Amino acid sequence: MISISVLLIFFSSFLLYNASKMGVYSKELITKKWIQPNIKVSKLLGITCLLISLILFSISFGRVSGILFWLFLLIIILGLFIIVAPLKQVTYKQVLILFLVLLLVEFIY
């Protein structure tokens, strides 16, 4: 459940970053092609994913520690996303492999 929540935070930060005016516009991914014309829908979807991940963390860790853990992860992921996204060094395949490994480790242990 933690890996799914982290994936939701990453996906929502991806949506919100590309829907903002500071986002680097490109037509590489199908999702970026969809996000740029549908800014209001993508912002709403991003905020909804953030709230769902907050609820999942609150269920997993309890109310206060879930909120603190969510804020901690949100700050880390947003900071890394703002630094790394304009460089275009990380591909979606690498991110997908990373989350699959994290999901596998979570289910094993």
N, C-alpha and C. Protein backbone atom coordinates (compact mmCIF):
# COMPACT_ATOMS: atom_id res chain seq x y z
N MET A 1 0.82 -1.19 0.00
CA MET A 1 0.00 0.00 0.00
C MET A 1 0.87 1.26 0.00
N ILE A 2 2.05 1.17 0.58
CA ILE A 2 2.95 2.32 0.61
C ILE A 2 3.47 2.62 -0.79
N SER A 3 3.83 1.59 -1.53
CA SER A 3 4.34 1.81 -2.89
C SER A 3 3.27 2.41 -3.80
N ILE A 4 2.05 1.99 -3.62
CA ILE A 4 0.95 2.55 -4.42
C ILE A 4 0.74 4.01 -4.06
N SER A 5 0.86 4.35 -2.79
CA SER A 5 0.71 5.74 -2.37
C SER A 5 1.84 6.60 -2.91
N VAL A 6 3.06 6.07 -2.90
CA VAL A 6 4.20 6.81 -3.45
C VAL A 6 4.01 7.00 -4.95
N LEU A 7 3.50 5.98 -5.62
CA LEU A 7 3.23 6.10 -7.05
C LEU A 7 2.16 7.15 -7.32
N LEU A 8 1.15 7.22 -6.47
CA LEU A 8 0.11 8.25 -6.62
C LEU A 8 0.68 9.65 -6.42
N ILE A 9 1.58 9.80 -5.44
CA ILE A 9 2.22 11.10 -5.23
C ILE A 9 3.06 11.48 -6.44
N PHE A 10 3.80 10.52 -6.98
CA PHE A 10 4.63 10.79 -8.15
C PHE A 10 3.76 11.16 -9.35
N PHE A 11 2.69 10.40 -9.57
CA PHE A 11 1.81 10.67 -10.70
C PHE A 11 1.13 12.03 -10.57
N SER A 12 0.70 12.37 -9.36
CA SER A 12 0.04 13.67 -9.17
C SER A 12 1.02 14.81 -9.33
N SER A 13 2.27 14.65 -8.87
CA SER A 13 3.25 15.71 -9.08
C SER A 13 3.60 15.85 -10.55
N PHE A 14 3.61 14.73 -11.28
CA PHE A 14 3.82 14.77 -12.73
C PHE A 14 2.70 15.54 -13.41
N LEU A 15 1.47 15.26 -13.02
CA LEU A 15 0.32 15.96 -13.60
C LEU A 15 0.35 17.45 -13.28
N LEU A 16 0.59 17.77 -12.01
CA LEU A 16 0.56 19.17 -11.61
C LEU A 16 1.73 19.96 -12.19
N TYR A 17 2.90 19.34 -12.32
CA TYR A 17 4.05 20.02 -12.90
C TYR A 17 3.83 20.31 -14.38
N ASN A 18 3.31 19.35 -15.11
CA ASN A 18 3.09 19.56 -16.54
C ASN A 18 1.87 20.43 -16.83
N ALA A 19 0.98 20.58 -15.88
CA ALA A 19 -0.17 21.46 -16.06
C ALA A 19 0.15 22.90 -15.66
N SER A 20 1.29 23.11 -15.00
CA SER A 20 1.64 24.45 -14.58
C SER A 20 2.29 25.22 -15.72
N LYS A 21 2.49 26.50 -15.50
CA LYS A 21 3.13 27.32 -16.52
C LYS A 21 4.63 27.11 -16.56
N MET A 22 5.19 26.52 -15.50
CA MET A 22 6.63 26.29 -15.45
C MET A 22 7.02 24.96 -16.09
N GLY A 23 6.07 24.16 -16.45
CA GLY A 23 6.35 22.86 -17.05
C GLY A 23 7.01 22.99 -18.41
N VAL A 24 7.91 22.07 -18.69
CA VAL A 24 8.57 22.05 -19.98
C VAL A 24 7.65 21.32 -20.96
N TYR A 25 7.19 22.03 -21.97
CA TYR A 25 6.22 21.46 -22.90
C TYR A 25 6.92 20.68 -23.99
N SER A 26 6.53 19.45 -24.14
CA SER A 26 7.05 18.61 -25.21
C SER A 26 5.96 17.61 -25.59
N LYS A 27 6.12 17.03 -26.73
CA LYS A 27 5.13 16.08 -27.23
C LYS A 27 5.68 14.66 -27.23
N GLU A 28 6.55 14.35 -26.27
CA GLU A 28 7.19 13.04 -26.24
C GLU A 28 6.24 11.94 -25.79
N LEU A 29 5.58 12.15 -24.69
CA LEU A 29 4.70 11.13 -24.13
C LEU A 29 3.24 11.43 -24.47
N ILE A 30 2.46 10.38 -24.53
CA ILE A 30 1.03 10.54 -24.80
C ILE A 30 0.36 11.30 -23.67
N THR A 31 0.83 11.06 -22.44
CA THR A 31 0.23 11.76 -21.30
C THR A 31 0.49 13.25 -21.36
N LYS A 32 1.68 13.65 -21.81
CA LYS A 32 1.96 15.08 -21.93
C LYS A 32 1.12 15.71 -23.02
N LYS A 33 0.83 14.96 -24.07
CA LYS A 33 -0.04 15.47 -25.13
C LYS A 33 -1.45 15.69 -24.60
N TRP A 34 -1.88 14.85 -23.66
CA TRP A 34 -3.22 14.98 -23.10
C TRP A 34 -3.28 16.06 -22.03
N ILE A 35 -2.22 16.19 -21.23
CA ILE A 35 -2.22 17.12 -20.11
C ILE A 35 -2.27 18.57 -20.59
N GLN A 36 -1.51 18.90 -21.60
CA GLN A 36 -1.38 20.30 -22.01
C GLN A 36 -2.68 20.93 -22.50
N PRO A 37 -3.52 20.25 -23.28
CA PRO A 37 -4.81 20.88 -23.63
C PRO A 37 -5.85 20.80 -22.51
N ASN A 38 -5.74 19.83 -21.62
CA ASN A 38 -6.73 19.62 -20.56
C ASN A 38 -6.14 20.00 -19.20
N ILE A 39 -5.83 21.26 -19.02
CA ILE A 39 -5.14 21.70 -17.81
C ILE A 39 -6.04 21.57 -16.58
N LYS A 40 -7.29 21.99 -16.67
CA LYS A 40 -8.18 21.94 -15.51
C LYS A 40 -8.44 20.51 -15.05
N VAL A 41 -8.66 19.62 -15.99
CA VAL A 41 -8.92 18.22 -15.64
C VAL A 41 -7.68 17.58 -15.03
N SER A 42 -6.50 17.89 -15.58
CA SER A 42 -5.28 17.29 -15.05
C SER A 42 -4.95 17.83 -13.67
N LYS A 43 -5.24 19.10 -13.40
CA LYS A 43 -5.02 19.64 -12.05
C LYS A 43 -5.98 18.99 -11.05
N LEU A 44 -7.22 18.81 -11.45
CA LEU A 44 -8.20 18.16 -10.58
C LEU A 44 -7.81 16.71 -10.32
N LEU A 45 -7.35 16.01 -11.35
CA LEU A 45 -6.91 14.63 -11.19
C LEU A 45 -5.66 14.54 -10.30
N GLY A 46 -4.74 15.50 -10.44
CA GLY A 46 -3.55 15.52 -9.61
C GLY A 46 -3.87 15.75 -8.14
N ILE A 47 -4.75 16.68 -7.87
CA ILE A 47 -5.14 16.95 -6.48
C ILE A 47 -5.91 15.77 -5.90
N THR A 48 -6.73 15.13 -6.70
CA THR A 48 -7.46 13.94 -6.24
C THR A 48 -6.50 12.81 -5.90
N CYS A 49 -5.49 12.60 -6.73
CA CYS A 49 -4.49 11.55 -6.43
C CYS A 49 -3.72 11.88 -5.16
N LEU A 50 -3.43 13.16 -4.93
CA LEU A 50 -2.75 13.55 -3.69
C LEU A 50 -3.62 13.25 -2.48
N LEU A 51 -4.90 13.55 -2.57
CA LEU A 51 -5.80 13.28 -1.44
C LEU A 51 -5.97 11.78 -1.20
N ILE A 52 -6.03 11.00 -2.27
CA ILE A 52 -6.14 9.54 -2.11
C ILE A 52 -4.89 8.98 -1.44
N SER A 53 -3.72 9.49 -1.84
CA SER A 53 -2.48 9.00 -1.21
C SER A 53 -2.42 9.43 0.25
N LEU A 54 -2.92 10.63 0.57
CA LEU A 54 -2.96 11.06 1.97
C LEU A 54 -3.87 10.15 2.79
N ILE A 55 -5.00 9.77 2.25
CA ILE A 55 -5.91 8.87 2.95
C ILE A 55 -5.27 7.49 3.14
N LEU A 56 -4.58 7.00 2.11
CA LEU A 56 -3.91 5.69 2.23
C LEU A 56 -2.81 5.72 3.28
N PHE A 57 -2.03 6.80 3.32
CA PHE A 57 -1.00 6.90 4.35
C PHE A 57 -1.60 7.03 5.74
N SER A 58 -2.73 7.75 5.85
CA SER A 58 -3.38 7.88 7.15
C SER A 58 -3.94 6.55 7.63
N ILE A 59 -4.42 5.72 6.71
CA ILE A 59 -4.90 4.40 7.08
C ILE A 59 -3.74 3.50 7.48
N SER A 60 -2.63 3.60 6.75
CA SER A 60 -1.49 2.71 7.01
C SER A 60 -0.76 3.04 8.30
N PHE A 61 -0.51 4.33 8.55
CA PHE A 61 0.33 4.72 9.68
C PHE A 61 -0.41 5.39 10.83
N GLY A 62 -1.65 5.67 10.67
CA GLY A 62 -2.37 6.45 11.67
C GLY A 62 -2.49 7.89 11.18
N ARG A 63 -3.29 8.66 11.88
CA ARG A 63 -3.61 9.99 11.39
C ARG A 63 -2.41 10.93 11.36
N VAL A 64 -1.77 11.16 12.48
CA VAL A 64 -0.70 12.15 12.55
C VAL A 64 0.56 11.68 11.85
N SER A 65 0.98 10.45 12.12
CA SER A 65 2.20 9.97 11.47
C SER A 65 1.99 9.76 9.97
N GLY A 66 0.78 9.43 9.55
CA GLY A 66 0.48 9.31 8.13
C GLY A 66 0.58 10.64 7.42
N ILE A 67 0.06 11.69 8.06
CA ILE A 67 0.15 13.03 7.47
C ILE A 67 1.60 13.50 7.41
N LEU A 68 2.36 13.25 8.47
CA LEU A 68 3.77 13.65 8.47
C LEU A 68 4.58 12.89 7.43
N PHE A 69 4.34 11.59 7.32
CA PHE A 69 5.05 10.79 6.32
C PHE A 69 4.67 11.23 4.92
N TRP A 70 3.40 11.55 4.70
CA TRP A 70 2.93 12.03 3.40
C TRP A 70 3.58 13.36 3.05
N LEU A 71 3.64 14.27 4.02
CA LEU A 71 4.30 15.56 3.77
C LEU A 71 5.78 15.39 3.46
N PHE A 72 6.44 14.51 4.21
CA PHE A 72 7.85 14.24 3.99
C PHE A 72 8.09 13.70 2.58
N LEU A 73 7.31 12.71 2.16
CA LEU A 73 7.45 12.15 0.82
C LEU A 73 7.07 13.16 -0.26
N LEU A 74 6.05 13.95 -0.01
CA LEU A 74 5.64 14.96 -0.98
C LEU A 74 6.75 15.98 -1.21
N ILE A 75 7.39 16.43 -0.15
CA ILE A 75 8.48 17.39 -0.28
C ILE A 75 9.65 16.77 -1.03
N ILE A 76 10.00 15.54 -0.72
CA ILE A 76 11.12 14.87 -1.40
C ILE A 76 10.82 14.66 -2.88
N ILE A 77 9.65 14.14 -3.19
CA ILE A 77 9.32 13.84 -4.58
C ILE A 77 9.18 15.12 -5.40
N LEU A 78 8.54 16.14 -4.85
CA LEU A 78 8.40 17.39 -5.59
C LEU A 78 9.75 18.06 -5.81
N GLY A 79 10.61 18.03 -4.80
CA GLY A 79 11.95 18.61 -4.96
C GLY A 79 12.75 17.90 -6.03
N LEU A 80 12.74 16.57 -5.98
CA LEU A 80 13.46 15.81 -7.00
C LEU A 80 12.84 16.00 -8.38
N PHE A 81 11.54 16.08 -8.42
CA PHE A 81 10.86 16.23 -9.71
C PHE A 81 11.19 17.58 -10.34
N ILE A 82 11.21 18.64 -9.56
CA ILE A 82 11.51 19.97 -10.09
C ILE A 82 12.96 20.06 -10.55
N ILE A 83 13.86 19.35 -9.87
CA ILE A 83 15.27 19.38 -10.26
C ILE A 83 15.53 18.51 -11.48
N VAL A 84 14.97 17.31 -11.52
CA VAL A 84 15.32 16.32 -12.54
C VAL A 84 14.47 16.45 -13.81
N ALA A 85 13.24 16.89 -13.73
CA ALA A 85 12.34 16.91 -14.89
C ALA A 85 12.85 17.76 -16.05
N PRO A 86 13.37 18.96 -15.83
CA PRO A 86 13.86 19.73 -16.98
C PRO A 86 15.09 19.13 -17.65
N LEU A 87 15.84 18.31 -16.94
CA LEU A 87 17.03 17.70 -17.51
C LEU A 87 16.70 16.58 -18.49
N LYS A 88 15.55 15.97 -18.34
CA LYS A 88 15.06 14.87 -19.18
C LYS A 88 16.04 13.69 -19.20
N GLN A 89 16.64 13.41 -18.06
CA GLN A 89 17.57 12.28 -17.96
C GLN A 89 16.87 11.01 -17.50
N VAL A 90 15.74 11.14 -16.85
CA VAL A 90 15.01 9.99 -16.33
C VAL A 90 13.82 9.73 -17.25
N THR A 91 13.72 8.49 -17.73
CA THR A 91 12.61 8.14 -18.61
C THR A 91 11.49 7.48 -17.81
N TYR A 92 10.34 7.37 -18.43
CA TYR A 92 9.21 6.75 -17.74
C TYR A 92 9.44 5.26 -17.54
N LYS A 93 10.25 4.64 -18.39
CA LYS A 93 10.55 3.22 -18.22
C LYS A 93 11.39 2.98 -16.97
N GLN A 94 12.34 3.87 -16.70
CA GLN A 94 13.15 3.74 -15.49
C GLN A 94 12.30 3.93 -14.24
N VAL A 95 11.39 4.88 -14.28
CA VAL A 95 10.51 5.11 -13.13
C VAL A 95 9.58 3.92 -12.93
N LEU A 96 9.08 3.35 -14.00
CA LEU A 96 8.20 2.17 -13.90
C LEU A 96 8.95 0.98 -13.31
N ILE A 97 10.17 0.76 -13.74
CA ILE A 97 10.98 -0.34 -13.20
C ILE A 97 11.26 -0.12 -11.72
N LEU A 98 11.56 1.12 -11.33
CA LEU A 98 11.81 1.43 -9.92
C LEU A 98 10.59 1.13 -9.06
N PHE A 99 9.41 1.54 -9.50
CA PHE A 99 8.21 1.29 -8.71
C PHE A 99 7.81 -0.18 -8.69
N LEU A 100 8.07 -0.89 -9.76
CA LEU A 100 7.80 -2.34 -9.74
C LEU A 100 8.72 -3.06 -8.77
N VAL A 101 9.98 -2.65 -8.71
CA VAL A 101 10.91 -3.24 -7.74
C VAL A 101 10.48 -2.90 -6.32
N LEU A 102 10.09 -1.65 -6.08
CA LEU A 102 9.62 -1.27 -4.75
C LEU A 102 8.35 -2.03 -4.35
N LEU A 103 7.46 -2.23 -5.29
CA LEU A 103 6.24 -2.99 -5.02
C LEU A 103 6.55 -4.44 -4.72
N LEU A 104 7.49 -5.02 -5.45
CA LEU A 104 7.90 -6.40 -5.21
C LEU A 104 8.55 -6.54 -3.83
N VAL A 105 9.42 -5.60 -3.47
CA VAL A 105 10.07 -5.65 -2.15
C VAL A 105 9.03 -5.49 -1.05
N GLU A 106 8.04 -4.63 -1.26
CA GLU A 106 7.01 -4.44 -0.24
C GLU A 106 6.19 -5.72 -0.03
N PHE A 107 5.87 -6.43 -1.10
CA PHE A 107 5.08 -7.64 -0.94
C PHE A 107 5.90 -8.81 -0.41
N ILE A 108 7.20 -8.83 -0.68
CA ILE A 108 8.05 -9.90 -0.15
C ILE A 108 8.24 -9.75 1.35
N TYR A 109 8.48 -8.53 1.79
CA TYR A 109 8.71 -8.31 3.22
C TYR A 109 7.46 -7.80 3.86
